[in-house]
C-alpha atoms as a PDB file:
ATOM      1  CA  UNK A   1     105.570  75.119  87.605  1.00  0.00           C
ATOM      2  CA  UNK A   2     109.180  76.113  89.107  1.00  0.00           C
ATOM      3  CA  UNK A   3     111.036  73.277  90.767  1.00  0.00           C
ATOM      4  CA  UNK A   4     114.502  73.737  92.956  1.00  0.00           C
ATOM      5  CA  UNK A   5     116.918  71.534  94.774  1.00  0.00           C
ATOM      6  CA  UNK A   6     117.441  72.230  98.714  1.00  0.00           C
ATOM      7  CA  UNK A   7     120.758  70.671  98.864  1.00  0.00           C
ATOM      8  CA  UNK A   8     122.290  69.099 102.105  1.00  0.00           C
ATOM      9  CA  UNK A   9     124.489  71.512 104.085  1.00  0.00           C
ATOM     10  CA  UNK A  10     127.877  70.061 105.666  1.00  0.00           C
ATOM     11  CA  UNK A  11     129.898  71.778 108.180  1.00  0.00           C
ATOM     12  CA  UNK A  12     133.311  69.939 107.299  1.00  0.00           C
ATOM     13  CA  UNK A  13     134.995  71.039 110.661  1.00  0.00           C
ATOM     14  CA  UNK A  14     132.982  73.609 113.396  1.00  0.00           C
ATOM     15  CA  UNK A  15     134.739  75.473 115.425  1.00  0.00           C
ATOM     16  CA  UNK A  16     133.192  77.018 118.520  1.00  0.00           C
ATOM     17  CA  UNK A  17     135.278  79.818 119.046  1.00  0.00           C
ATOM     18  CA  UNK A  18     133.504  81.746 122.162  1.00  0.00           C
ATOM     19  CA  UNK A  19     130.434  83.113 123.224  1.00  0.00           C
ATOM     20  CA  UNK A  20     128.638  86.362 123.799  1.00  0.00           C
ATOM     21  CA  UNK A  21     127.429  87.986 126.796  1.00  0.00           C
ATOM     22  CA  UNK A  22     123.523  87.286 125.686  1.00  0.00           C
ATOM     23  CA  UNK A  23     124.444  83.418 125.350  1.00  0.00           C
ATOM     24  CA  UNK A  24     125.108  83.159 121.309  1.00  0.00           C
ATOM     25  CA  UNK A  25     128.105  81.381 120.245  1.00  0.00           C
ATOM     26  CA  UNK A  26     131.067  82.627 118.059  1.00  0.00           C
ATOM     27  CA  UNK A  27     131.614  80.326 114.978  1.00  0.00           C
ATOM     28  CA  UNK A  28     134.212  79.446 112.421  1.00  0.00           C
ATOM     29  CA  UNK A  29     133.144  76.909 110.266  1.00  0.00           C
ATOM     30  CA  UNK A  30     133.844  75.476 106.489  1.00  0.00           C
ATOM     31  CA  UNK A  31     130.298  74.727 104.670  1.00  0.00           C
ATOM     32  CA  UNK A  32     129.742  72.602 101.612  1.00  0.00           C
ATOM     33  CA  UNK A  33     126.780  71.687  99.829  1.00  0.00           C
ATOM     34  CA  UNK A  34     125.794  68.349  98.377  1.00  0.00           C
ATOM     35  CA  UNK A  35     124.143  66.668  95.098  1.00  0.00           C
ATOM     36  CA  UNK A  36     121.611  65.135  97.569  1.00  0.00           C
ATOM     37  CA  UNK A  37     118.812  67.256  99.664  1.00  0.00           C
ATOM     38  CA  UNK A  38     114.868  67.966 100.105  1.00  0.00           C
ATOM     39  CA  UNK A  39     112.734  69.137  96.426  1.00  0.00           C
ATOM     40  CA  UNK A  40     110.544  72.298  96.600  1.00  0.00           C
ATOM     41  CA  UNK A  41     108.005  72.583  93.648  1.00  0.00           C
ATOM     42  CA  UNK A  42     105.859  75.671  93.390  1.00  0.00           C
ATOM     43  CA  UNK A  43     102.659  75.924  91.162  1.00  0.00           C
ATOM     44  CA  UNK A  44     100.305  78.814  90.362  1.00  0.00           C
ATOM     45  CA  UNK A  45      96.881  78.055  92.417  1.00  0.00           C
ATOM     46  CA  UNK A  46      93.836  80.154  93.493  1.00  0.00           C
ATOM     47  CA  UNK A  47      94.857  79.962  97.067  1.00  0.00           C
ATOM     48  CA  UNK A  48      97.705  79.204  99.123  1.00  0.00           C
ATOM     49  CA  UNK A  49      98.534  75.340 100.217  1.00  0.00           C
ATOM     50  CA  UNK A  50     101.397  73.374 101.636  1.00  0.00           C
ATOM     51  CA  UNK A  51     101.917  69.790 101.027  1.00  0.00           C
ATOM     52  CA  UNK A  52     104.932  67.313 101.920  1.00  0.00           C
ATOM     53  CA  UNK A  53     105.843  64.104 100.846  1.00  0.00           C
ATOM     54  CA  UNK A  54     108.627  61.822 100.676  1.00  0.00           C
ATOM     55  CA  UNK A  55     110.498  59.192 102.783  1.00  0.00           C
ATOM     56  CA  UNK A  56     110.538  61.912 105.379  1.00  0.00           C
ATOM     57  CA  UNK A  57     107.493  63.818 105.217  1.00  0.00           C
ATOM     58  CA  UNK A  58     106.198  61.499 108.351  1.00  0.00           C
ATOM     59  CA  UNK A  59     108.303  63.163 110.799  1.00  0.00           C
ATOM     60  CA  UNK A  60     106.522  66.181 110.113  1.00  0.00           C
ATOM     61  CA  UNK A  61     103.202  65.199 109.522  1.00  0.00           C
ATOM     62  CA  UNK A  62     102.088  66.125 112.918  1.00  0.00           C
ATOM     63  CA  UNK A  63     103.285  69.746 113.145  1.00  0.00           C
ATOM     64  CA  UNK A  64     101.435  73.077 111.987  1.00  0.00           C
ATOM     65  CA  UNK A  65     102.488  73.641 108.578  1.00  0.00           C
ATOM     66  CA  UNK A  66     102.409  77.281 109.496  1.00  0.00           C
ATOM     67  CA  UNK A  67     105.564  76.702 111.319  1.00  0.00           C
ATOM     68  CA  UNK A  68     107.781  74.991 108.468  1.00  0.00           C
ATOM     69  CA  UNK A  69     110.317  77.568 107.572  1.00  0.00           C
ATOM     70  CA  UNK A  70     109.846  77.449 104.079  1.00  0.00           C
ATOM     71  CA  UNK A  71     106.095  78.332 104.834  1.00  0.00           C
ATOM     72  CA  UNK A  72     107.270  80.973 106.873  1.00  0.00           C
ATOM     73  CA  UNK A  73     109.814  82.516 104.365  1.00  0.00           C
ATOM     74  CA  UNK A  74     107.294  82.429 101.569  1.00  0.00           C
ATOM     75  CA  UNK A  75     104.456  84.034 103.882  1.00  0.00           C
ATOM     76  CA  UNK A  76     107.307  87.037 104.909  1.00  0.00           C
ATOM     77  CA  UNK A  77     108.167  87.510 101.557  1.00  0.00           C
ATOM     78  CA  UNK A  78     104.739  87.925  99.896  1.00  0.00           C
ATOM     79  CA  UNK A  79     103.711  90.362 102.953  1.00  0.00           C
ATOM     80  CA  UNK A  80     106.676  92.413 102.780  1.00  0.00           C
ATOM     81  CA  UNK A  81     105.899  92.633  98.565  1.00  0.00           C
ATOM     82  CA  UNK A  82     102.276  93.135  99.558  1.00  0.00           C
ATOM     83  CA  UNK A  83     101.643  89.963  96.905  1.00  0.00           C
ATOM     84  CA  UNK A  84      99.205  87.319  97.100  1.00  0.00           C
ATOM     85  CA  UNK A  85     100.125  83.949  98.095  1.00  0.00           C
ATOM     86  CA  UNK A  86      98.229  82.473  95.448  1.00  0.00           C
ATOM     87  CA  UNK A  87     100.581  79.152  94.817  1.00  0.00           C
ATOM     88  CA  UNK A  88     100.763  75.339  95.971  1.00  0.00           C
ATOM     89  CA  UNK A  89     104.344  74.596  97.486  1.00  0.00           C
ATOM     90  CA  UNK A  90     105.102  71.067  97.689  1.00  0.00           C
ATOM     91  CA  UNK A  91     108.334  69.832  99.686  1.00  0.00           C
ATOM     92  CA  UNK A  92     109.762  66.494  99.003  1.00  0.00           C
ATOM     93  CA  UNK A  93     111.358  65.758 102.128  1.00  0.00           C
ATOM     94  CA  UNK A  94     114.570  63.700 101.813  1.00  0.00           C
ATOM     95  CA  UNK A  95     116.611  64.518 104.453  1.00  0.00           C
ATOM     96  CA  UNK A  96     116.554  63.622 108.127  1.00  0.00           C
ATOM     97  CA  UNK A  97     114.662  66.106 110.395  1.00  0.00           C
ATOM     98  CA  UNK A  98     116.985  67.997 113.012  1.00  0.00           C
ATOM     99  CA  UNK A  99     119.736  66.199 111.715  1.00  0.00           C
ATOM    100  CA  UNK A 100     122.996  68.708 111.332  1.00  0.00           C
ATOM    101  CA  UNK A 101     122.751  69.010 107.478  1.00  0.00           C
ATOM    102  CA  UNK A 102     120.672  72.051 107.616  1.00  0.00           C
ATOM    103  CA  UNK A 103     117.204  70.813 106.190  1.00  0.00           C
ATOM    104  CA  UNK A 104     115.003  73.184 107.463  1.00  0.00           C
ATOM    105  CA  UNK A 105     117.424  75.888 106.800  1.00  0.00           C
ATOM    106  CA  UNK A 106     117.978  74.645 102.896  1.00  0.00           C
ATOM    107  CA  UNK A 107     114.196  74.431 102.780  1.00  0.00           C
ATOM    108  CA  UNK A 108     113.405  77.925 103.620  1.00  0.00           C
ATOM    109  CA  UNK A 109     115.904  79.089 101.379  1.00  0.00           C
ATOM    110  CA  UNK A 110     114.669  77.374  98.549  1.00  0.00           C
ATOM    111  CA  UNK A 111     111.328  79.042  99.139  1.00  0.00           C
ATOM    112  CA  UNK A 112     112.934  81.879  98.724  1.00  0.00           C
ATOM    113  CA  UNK A 113     114.471  81.372  95.542  1.00  0.00           C
ATOM    114  CA  UNK A 114     111.454  79.865  94.062  1.00  0.00           C
ATOM    115  CA  UNK A 115     109.271  82.915  94.850  1.00  0.00           C
ATOM    116  CA  UNK A 116     112.082  85.212  93.758  1.00  0.00           C
ATOM    117  CA  UNK A 117     112.024  83.243  90.211  1.00  0.00           C
ATOM    118  CA  UNK A 118     108.203  83.387  90.348  1.00  0.00           C
ATOM    119  CA  UNK A 119     107.923  87.501  91.307  1.00  0.00           C
ATOM    120  CA  UNK A 120     110.991  87.988  88.655  1.00  0.00           C
ATOM    121  CA  UNK A 121     113.453  89.109  91.561  1.00  0.00           C
ATOM    122  CA  UNK A 122     117.210  89.154  90.919  1.00  0.00           C
ATOM    123  CA  UNK A 123     118.382  85.991  93.252  1.00  0.00           C
ATOM    124  CA  UNK A 124     120.967  87.963  95.004  1.00  0.00           C
ATOM    125  CA  UNK A 125     118.244  90.613  96.040  1.00  0.00           C
ATOM    126  CA  UNK A 126     118.892  92.094  99.376  1.00  0.00           C
ATOM    127  CA  UNK A 127     115.801  91.616 100.487  1.00  0.00           C
ATOM    128  CA  UNK A 128     116.116  87.550 100.380  1.00  0.00           C
ATOM    129  CA  UNK A 129     119.154  87.775 102.812  1.00  0.00           C
ATOM    130  CA  UNK A 130     117.371  90.121 105.251  1.00  0.00           C
ATOM    131  CA  UNK A 131     114.226  87.521 105.288  1.00  0.00           C
ATOM    132  CA  UNK A 132     116.493  84.354 105.368  1.00  0.00           C
ATOM    133  CA  UNK A 133     118.535  85.771 108.598  1.00  0.00           C
ATOM    134  CA  UNK A 134     115.284  86.618 110.448  1.00  0.00           C
ATOM    135  CA  UNK A 135     114.627  83.210 109.915  1.00  0.00           C
ATOM    136  CA  UNK A 136     118.076  81.457 111.286  1.00  0.00           C
ATOM    137  CA  UNK A 137     121.537  82.143 111.088  1.00  0.00           C
ATOM    138  CA  UNK A 138     122.693  79.443 108.463  1.00  0.00           C
ATOM    139  CA  UNK A 139     119.699  80.051 106.079  1.00  0.00           C
ATOM    140  CA  UNK A 140     121.369  83.563 104.475  1.00  0.00           C
ATOM    141  CA  UNK A 141     124.233  81.054 103.371  1.00  0.00           C
ATOM    142  CA  UNK A 142     121.988  78.547 101.828  1.00  0.00           C
ATOM    143  CA  UNK A 143     120.506  80.819  99.297  1.00  0.00           C
ATOM    144  CA  UNK A 144     123.342  80.516  96.736  1.00  0.00           C
ATOM    145  CA  UNK A 145     124.398  77.341  98.350  1.00  0.00           C
ATOM    146  CA  UNK A 146     128.039  77.477  97.551  1.00  0.00           C
ATOM    147  CA  UNK A 147     131.137  76.611  99.872  1.00  0.00           C
ATOM    148  CA  UNK A 148     131.815  79.438 102.309  1.00  0.00           C
ATOM    149  CA  UNK A 149     132.787  79.776 105.724  1.00  0.00           C
ATOM    150  CA  UNK A 150     130.287  80.483 108.497  1.00  0.00           C
ATOM    151  CA  UNK A 151     131.424  83.053 111.089  1.00  0.00           C
ATOM    152  CA  UNK A 152     130.321  85.267 113.613  1.00  0.00           C
ATOM    153  CA  UNK A 153     127.122  83.998 115.115  1.00  0.00           C
ATOM    154  CA  UNK A 154     126.782  82.300 111.958  1.00  0.00           C
ATOM    155  CA  UNK A 155     125.504  85.929 110.551  1.00  0.00           C
ATOM    156  CA  UNK A 156     129.056  86.263 108.620  1.00  0.00           C
ATOM    157  CA  UNK A 157     129.579  84.313 105.522  1.00  0.00           C
ATOM    158  CA  UNK A 158     132.574  84.438 102.966  1.00  0.00           C
ATOM    159  CA  UNK A 159     133.151  82.327  99.714  1.00  0.00           C
ATOM    160  CA  UNK A 160     135.527  79.378 100.746  1.00  0.00           C
ATOM    161  CA  UNK A 161     138.556  78.221  98.274  1.00  0.00           C
ATOM    162  CA  UNK A 162     137.884  75.728  95.585  1.00  0.00           C
ATOM    163  CA  UNK A 163     136.871  72.531  97.104  1.00  0.00           C
ATOM    164  CA  UNK A 164     138.079  69.076  95.178  1.00  0.00           C
ATOM    165  CA  UNK A 165     135.277  66.660  94.010  1.00  0.00           C
ATOM    166  CA  UNK A 166     135.132  64.183  96.828  1.00  0.00           C
ATOM    167  CA  UNK A 167     132.491  61.665  97.739  1.00  0.00           C
ATOM    168  CA  UNK A 168     130.995  61.212 100.767  1.00  0.00           C
ATOM    169  CA  UNK A 169     128.915  58.891 102.738  1.00  0.00           C
ATOM    170  CA  UNK A 170     126.565  60.873 104.995  1.00  0.00           C
ATOM    171  CA  UNK A 171     124.913  58.480 108.011  1.00  0.00           C
ATOM    172  CA  UNK A 172     121.851  59.575 110.406  1.00  0.00           C
ATOM    173  CA  UNK A 173     121.181  57.098 113.220  1.00  0.00           C
ATOM    174  CA  UNK A 174     117.463  57.701 112.810  1.00  0.00           C
ATOM    175  CA  UNK A 175     117.525  60.583 115.768  1.00  0.00           C
ATOM    176  CA  UNK A 176     116.577  63.927 115.267  1.00  0.00           C
ATOM    177  CA  UNK A 177     119.103  66.084 117.987  1.00  0.00           C
ATOM    178  CA  UNK A 178     117.989  69.455 119.107  1.00  0.00           C
ATOM    179  CA  UNK A 179     120.535  72.285 118.213  1.00  0.00           C
ATOM    180  CA  UNK A 180     119.950  74.445 121.285  1.00  0.00           C
ATOM    181  CA  UNK A 181     120.509  71.504 123.412  1.00  0.00           C
ATOM    182  CA  UNK A 182     123.556  70.596 121.791  1.00  0.00           C
ATOM    183  CA  UNK A 183     124.955  74.161 122.688  1.00  0.00           C
ATOM    184  CA  UNK A 184     123.892  74.030 125.976  1.00  0.00           C
ATOM    185  CA  UNK A 185     125.798  70.485 126.791  1.00  0.00           C
ATOM    186  CA  UNK A 186     128.780  72.104 125.277  1.00  0.00           C
ATOM    187  CA  UNK A 187     131.881  72.599 127.684  1.00  0.00           C
ATOM    188  CA  UNK A 188     135.164  73.229 128.037  1.00  0.00           C
ATOM    189  CA  UNK A 189     137.464  75.494 126.407  1.00  0.00           C
ATOM    190  CA  UNK A 190     136.860  77.466 122.824  1.00  0.00           C
ATOM    191  CA  UNK A 191     138.642  76.170 119.637  1.00  0.00           C
ATOM    192  CA  UNK A 192     140.506  79.177 117.740  1.00  0.00           C
ATOM    193  CA  UNK A 193     139.519  80.080 114.423  1.00  0.00           C
ATOM    194  CA  UNK A 194     141.224  78.057 111.690  1.00  0.00           C
ATOM    195  CA  UNK A 195     140.378  78.513 108.074  1.00  0.00           C
ATOM    196  CA  UNK A 196     142.035  76.892 105.440  1.00  0.00           C
ATOM    197  CA  UNK A 197     145.087  78.846 103.815  1.00  0.00           C
ATOM    198  CA  UNK A 198     145.162  76.971 100.603  1.00  0.00           C
ATOM    199  CA  UNK A 199     143.101  75.019  98.185  1.00  0.00           C
ATOM    200  CA  UNK A 200     143.452  71.320  98.762  1.00  0.00           C
ATOM    201  CA  UNK A 201     143.625  69.634  95.036  1.00  0.00           C
ATOM    202  CA  UNK A 202     142.521  66.142  96.122  1.00  0.00           C
ATOM    203  CA  UNK A 203     140.165  64.427  98.495  1.00  0.00           C
ATOM    204  CA  UNK A 204     143.016  63.253 100.705  1.00  0.00           C
ATOM    205  CA  UNK A 205     144.576  66.677 100.717  1.00  0.00           C
ATOM    206  CA  UNK A 206     141.256  67.918 101.957  1.00  0.00           C
ATOM    207  CA  UNK A 207     140.923  65.188 104.593  1.00  0.00           C
ATOM    208  CA  UNK A 208     144.191  66.036 105.572  1.00  0.00           C
ATOM    209  CA  UNK A 209     143.952  69.705 106.521  1.00  0.00           C
ATOM    210  CA  UNK A 210     140.463  68.771 107.865  1.00  0.00           C
ATOM    211  CA  UNK A 211     142.207  66.326 110.249  1.00  0.00           C
ATOM    212  CA  UNK A 212     144.065  69.300 111.898  1.00  0.00           C
ATOM    213  CA  UNK A 213     140.561  70.853 112.265  1.00  0.00           C
ATOM    214  CA  UNK A 214     137.308  69.233 114.457  1.00  0.00           C
ATOM    215  CA  UNK A 215     133.901  69.811 115.319  1.00  0.00           C
ATOM    216  CA  UNK A 216     133.191  71.435 118.819  1.00  0.00           C
ATOM    217  CA  UNK A 217     129.957  69.946 119.255  1.00  0.00           C
ATOM    218  CA  UNK A 218     131.002  66.697 119.068  1.00  0.00           C
ATOM    219  CA  UNK A 219     131.414  65.193 122.775  1.00  0.00           C
ATOM    220  CA  UNK A 220     127.812  67.307 123.556  1.00  0.00           C
ATOM    221  CA  UNK A 221     126.378  65.626 120.625  1.00  0.00           C
ATOM    222  CA  UNK A 222     127.322  62.232 121.860  1.00  0.00           C
ATOM    223  CA  UNK A 223     126.742  63.067 125.055  1.00  0.00           C
ATOM    224  CA  UNK A 224     122.908  63.569 124.144  1.00  0.00           C
ATOM    225  CA  UNK A 225     122.939  60.643 121.733  1.00  0.00           C
ATOM    226  CA  UNK A 226     124.997  57.943 122.308  1.00  0.00           C
ATOM    227  CA  UNK A 227     124.505  56.209 118.572  1.00  0.00           C
ATOM    228  CA  UNK A 228     126.827  59.206 116.956  1.00  0.00           C
ATOM    229  CA  UNK A 229     129.970  57.276 118.713  1.00  0.00           C
ATOM    230  CA  UNK A 230     128.687  54.338 116.471  1.00  0.00           C
ATOM    231  CA  UNK A 231     128.041  55.914 113.483  1.00  0.00           C
ATOM    232  CA  UNK A 232     131.717  57.353 113.359  1.00  0.00           C
ATOM    233  CA  UNK A 233     133.604  54.365 114.558  1.00  0.00           C
ATOM    234  CA  UNK A 234     131.587  52.575 111.617  1.00  0.00           C
ATOM    235  CA  UNK A 235     132.382  55.304 109.058  1.00  0.00           C
ATOM    236  CA  UNK A 236     135.846  54.831 110.114  1.00  0.00           C
ATOM    237  CA  UNK A 237     136.330  51.572 109.678  1.00  0.00           C
ATOM    238  CA  UNK A 238     135.205  51.151 105.970  1.00  0.00           C
ATOM    239  CA  UNK A 239     138.401  50.532 103.632  1.00  0.00           C
ATOM    240  CA  UNK A 240     139.294  53.876 101.793  1.00  0.00           C
ATOM    241  CA  UNK A 241     137.548  56.120 104.457  1.00  0.00           C
ATOM    242  CA  UNK A 242     140.030  59.143 104.592  1.00  0.00           C
ATOM    243  CA  UNK A 243     138.051  60.939 107.496  1.00  0.00           C
ATOM    244  CA  UNK A 244     134.829  60.617 109.458  1.00  0.00           C
ATOM    245  CA  UNK A 245     133.339  63.045 111.182  1.00  0.00           C
ATOM    246  CA  UNK A 246     129.697  64.584 112.545  1.00  0.00           C
ATOM    247  CA  UNK A 247     128.440  67.440 110.875  1.00  0.00           C
ATOM    248  CA  UNK A 248     126.732  70.862 112.521  1.00  0.00           C
ATOM    249  CA  UNK A 249     125.117  69.753 115.995  1.00  0.00           C
ATOM    250  CA  UNK A 250     124.541  66.165 114.681  1.00  0.00           C
ATOM    251  CA  UNK A 251     123.308  63.586 114.619  1.00  0.00           C
ATOM    252  CA  UNK A 252     124.133  63.029 110.829  1.00  0.00           C
ATOM    253  CA  UNK A 253     128.075  62.331 110.475  1.00  0.00           C
ATOM    254  CA  UNK A 254     129.634  62.364 107.037  1.00  0.00           C
ATOM    255  CA  UNK A 255     132.979  59.682 105.773  1.00  0.00           C
ATOM    256  CA  UNK A 256     134.928  61.383 102.962  1.00  0.00           C
ATOM    257  CA  UNK A 257     136.431  58.712  99.994  1.00  0.00           C
ATOM    258  CA  UNK A 258     138.430  59.041  96.836  1.00  0.00           C
ATOM    259  CA  UNK A 259     136.122  57.878  94.400  1.00  0.00           C
ATOM    260  CA  UNK A 260     132.432  57.219  93.730  1.00  0.00           C
ATOM    261  CA  UNK A 261     133.023  53.594  94.386  1.00  0.00           C
ATOM    262  CA  UNK A 262     134.469  53.460  97.913  1.00  0.00           C
ATOM    263  CA  UNK A 263     131.576  55.414  98.637  1.00  0.00           C
ATOM    264  CA  UNK A 264     128.966  53.339  97.078  1.00  0.00           C
ATOM    265  CA  UNK A 265     130.528  50.251  98.972  1.00  0.00           C
ATOM    266  CA  UNK A 266     130.812  51.549 101.775  1.00  0.00           C
ATOM    267  CA  UNK A 267     126.960  52.999 101.831  1.00  0.00           C
ATOM    268  CA  UNK A 268     126.306  50.084 101.045  1.00  0.00           C
ATOM    269  CA  UNK A 269     127.939  47.983 103.900  1.00  0.00           C
ATOM    270  CA  UNK A 270     126.923  50.284 106.509  1.00  0.00           C
ATOM    271  CA  UNK A 271     122.757  50.210 105.274  1.00  0.00           C
ATOM    272  CA  UNK A 272     123.172  46.295 105.512  1.00  0.00           C
ATOM    273  CA  UNK A 273     124.555  46.225 108.736  1.00  0.00           C
ATOM    274  CA  UNK A 274     122.479  48.900 110.454  1.00  0.00           C
ATOM    275  CA  UNK A 275     119.352  48.627 108.085  1.00  0.00           C
ATOM    276  CA  UNK A 276     117.641  51.323 110.825  1.00  0.00           C
ATOM    277  CA  UNK A 277     120.092  53.938 110.040  1.00  0.00           C
ATOM    278  CA  UNK A 278     119.558  56.393 106.950  1.00  0.00           C
ATOM    279  CA  UNK A 279     122.754  55.807 104.725  1.00  0.00           C
ATOM    280  CA  UNK A 280     123.391  57.626 101.759  1.00  0.00           C
ATOM    281  CA  UNK A 281     126.293  58.289  98.792  1.00  0.00           C
ATOM    282  CA  UNK A 282     126.925  61.578  97.664  1.00  0.00           C
ATOM    283  CA  UNK A 283     129.537  64.239  96.963  1.00  0.00           C
ATOM    284  CA  UNK A 284     130.634  67.617  97.307  1.00  0.00           C
ATOM    285  CA  UNK A 285     130.910  70.593  95.931  1.00  0.00           C
ATOM    286  CA  UNK A 286     127.510  69.778  94.196  1.00  0.00           C
ATOM    287  CA  UNK A 287     128.442  71.092  90.704  1.00  0.00           C
ATOM    288  CA  UNK A 288     124.788  72.043  90.154  1.00  0.00           C
ATOM    289  CA  UNK A 289     123.671  75.627  90.823  1.00  0.00           C
ATOM    290  CA  UNK A 290     120.397  75.649  93.090  1.00  0.00           C
ATOM    291  CA  UNK A 291     119.938  78.889  91.251  1.00  0.00           C
ATOM    292  CA  UNK A 292     118.758  77.243  87.906  1.00  0.00           C
ATOM    293  CA  UNK A 293     115.458  76.457  88.315  1.00  0.00           C
ATOM    294  CA  UNK A 294     113.786  74.107  86.268  1.00  0.00           C
ATOM    295  CA  UNK A 295     110.350  74.955  84.986  1.00  0.00           C
END
């Protein structure tokens, strides 16, 4: 048996810098990965099967499993290598669906990591990244799950500076939000790329440099999901919150905190006040290596 974490992906800032003639947008985003996420397990079996469990599995229960990105990744890699897909994949779905923290993408990347290990492929094999790119622009960066800059139309990633260990609180109002719909609703000028020029050494320093940047999709996302405004206000109102921001195309937002205690207290207070929200404390960048598979 092999198992790996599919960590949540956080856009610490996200600038839409332009748009191609074909409609795709150019992006500049600093991405970090957390210590929480979905889990994917691989076990040898006579035939292929895919199962889901976990608190967020019900949201996907009615869908066709063949459309799940983890299943698609597994089938494409098996077909490309001409390998029999004699295994069972079990996805423990902890992350909200369509929530701006890379749930489907990180699951697909986890499937590629597991199958690469199962078939004794190097984890950095170019084929894995080619298949990842065919599944979505942000899937390739989820394979290594290391802090990086996300540029071009999402097809260019470069390593980021070292980031300080920072405790965060993630909040989703339990609303799914379509990424294409958010991009379609975006209006106004584009925002220049603004990668960090140095490595912040503390959570406060990280919050300070991020405050000079933004998420270009926030206004559009709020127009489609007004609950995001309430989430951001509730996060910012928490004692010791250094910065509150939406991740990706929403609706998940995050707050940065100085230490674990402050983050835990904020998460508890937010959940108590809003029990229908998805709320969890976490930290980034995660000191775990998702390529280190358990067996």
